[in-house]
């Protein structure tokens, strides 16, 4: 949520909100929701609990805005790119 109280959700999160809302309204079972969302029933139970306790904000990813755990350091990325470029140049020189 930003300073203005605006909540930004991805399409996936909006879809989850809609389906889980139906579960809480008892128009859909947790098993049916799990199938539609491609999740396990246990995960749907957890999401329903978060929705009940925290509202819409509970479904938003806590990782949003953070760098990936798999992100390479800048130095390693530059080294890999330089290595790839040097190899590409050597292949081009070989073909000539």
Protein backbone atom coordinates (compact mmCIF):
# COMPACT_ATOMS: atom_id res chain seq x y z
CA UNK A 1 0.00 0.00 0.00
CA UNK A 2 1.38 3.45 -0.85
CA UNK A 3 1.07 6.77 0.99
CA UNK A 4 -2.35 7.49 -0.54
CA UNK A 5 -3.75 4.17 0.63
CA UNK A 6 -3.74 2.72 -2.90
CA UNK A 7 -3.38 -1.04 -3.16
CA UNK A 8 -1.60 -2.38 -6.26
CA UNK A 9 -2.34 -5.97 -7.21
CA UNK A 10 -1.18 -8.12 -10.10
CA UNK A 11 -3.69 -9.91 -12.31
CA UNK A 12 -2.80 -13.16 -10.58
CA UNK A 13 -3.51 -11.64 -7.17
CA UNK A 14 -6.80 -10.16 -8.40
CA UNK A 15 -7.84 -13.55 -9.74
CA UNK A 16 -6.98 -15.14 -6.39
CA UNK A 17 -8.99 -12.47 -4.58
CA UNK A 18 -12.04 -13.15 -6.74
CA UNK A 19 -11.89 -16.94 -6.34
CA UNK A 20 -11.09 -16.85 -2.61
CA UNK A 21 -13.91 -14.36 -2.11
CA UNK A 22 -16.27 -16.97 -3.53
CA UNK A 23 -14.87 -19.52 -1.08
CA UNK A 24 -15.50 -17.19 1.86
CA UNK A 25 -19.04 -16.58 0.56
CA UNK A 26 -19.44 -20.39 0.43
CA UNK A 27 -20.24 -20.34 -3.28
CA UNK A 28 -17.14 -22.43 -4.00
CA UNK A 29 -15.36 -25.15 -2.04
CA UNK A 30 -11.70 -24.93 -1.13
CA UNK A 31 -11.03 -27.98 -3.31
CA UNK A 32 -12.67 -26.32 -6.32
CA UNK A 33 -10.70 -23.12 -5.69
CA UNK A 34 -7.48 -25.11 -5.39
CA UNK A 35 -8.14 -26.72 -8.76
CA UNK A 36 -8.92 -23.39 -10.44
CA UNK A 37 -5.84 -21.71 -8.97
CA UNK A 38 -3.51 -24.65 -9.54
CA UNK A 39 -2.71 -24.87 -5.82
CA UNK A 40 -3.13 -27.44 -3.09
CA UNK A 41 -6.12 -27.36 -0.75
CA UNK A 42 -3.79 -26.60 2.17
CA UNK A 43 -2.43 -23.50 0.39
CA UNK A 44 -5.98 -22.33 -0.33
CA UNK A 45 -6.74 -22.72 3.40
CA UNK A 46 -3.74 -20.51 4.20
CA UNK A 47 -4.76 -17.89 1.64
CA UNK A 48 -8.35 -17.83 2.93
CA UNK A 49 -7.06 -17.30 6.46
CA UNK A 50 -4.83 -14.41 5.29
CA UNK A 51 -7.76 -12.87 3.41
CA UNK A 52 -10.03 -13.09 6.47
CA UNK A 53 -7.41 -11.67 8.85
CA UNK A 54 -5.63 -9.07 6.69
CA UNK A 55 -8.14 -8.38 3.92
CA UNK A 56 -6.99 -7.80 0.36
CA UNK A 57 -3.57 -6.68 1.50
CA UNK A 58 -2.92 -10.19 2.85
CA UNK A 59 -2.87 -11.61 -0.68
CA UNK A 60 -0.21 -9.23 -1.98
CA UNK A 61 3.26 -10.69 -2.39
CA UNK A 62 5.64 -9.64 0.38
CA UNK A 63 8.54 -9.95 -2.07
CA UNK A 64 7.32 -7.12 -4.29
CA UNK A 65 9.99 -4.46 -4.81
CA UNK A 66 12.82 -6.60 -3.49
CA UNK A 67 15.69 -7.94 -5.60
CA UNK A 68 15.63 -11.61 -6.52
CA UNK A 69 17.67 -14.06 -4.46
CA UNK A 70 19.03 -15.34 -7.77
CA UNK A 71 20.25 -11.94 -8.96
CA UNK A 72 23.94 -11.88 -9.91
CA UNK A 73 26.25 -9.29 -8.44
CA UNK A 74 27.06 -6.44 -10.83
CA UNK A 75 30.72 -7.48 -11.03
CA UNK A 76 29.90 -11.11 -11.88
CA UNK A 77 27.30 -10.05 -14.46
CA UNK A 78 29.75 -7.69 -16.19
CA UNK A 79 32.45 -10.37 -16.17
CA UNK A 80 30.08 -12.92 -17.74
CA UNK A 81 28.99 -10.43 -20.43
CA UNK A 82 32.60 -9.53 -21.22
CA UNK A 83 33.52 -13.20 -21.48
CA UNK A 84 30.58 -13.84 -23.82
CA UNK A 85 31.50 -10.88 -25.99
CA UNK A 86 35.16 -11.91 -26.22
CA UNK A 87 34.14 -15.44 -27.23
CA UNK A 88 31.71 -14.07 -29.82
CA UNK A 89 34.50 -11.90 -31.25
CA UNK A 90 36.87 -14.85 -31.43
CA UNK A 91 34.24 -16.93 -33.25
CA UNK A 92 33.68 -14.06 -35.72
CA UNK A 93 37.43 -13.78 -36.30
CA UNK A 94 37.67 -17.53 -36.86
CA UNK A 95 34.90 -17.45 -39.50
CA UNK A 96 36.65 -14.76 -41.55
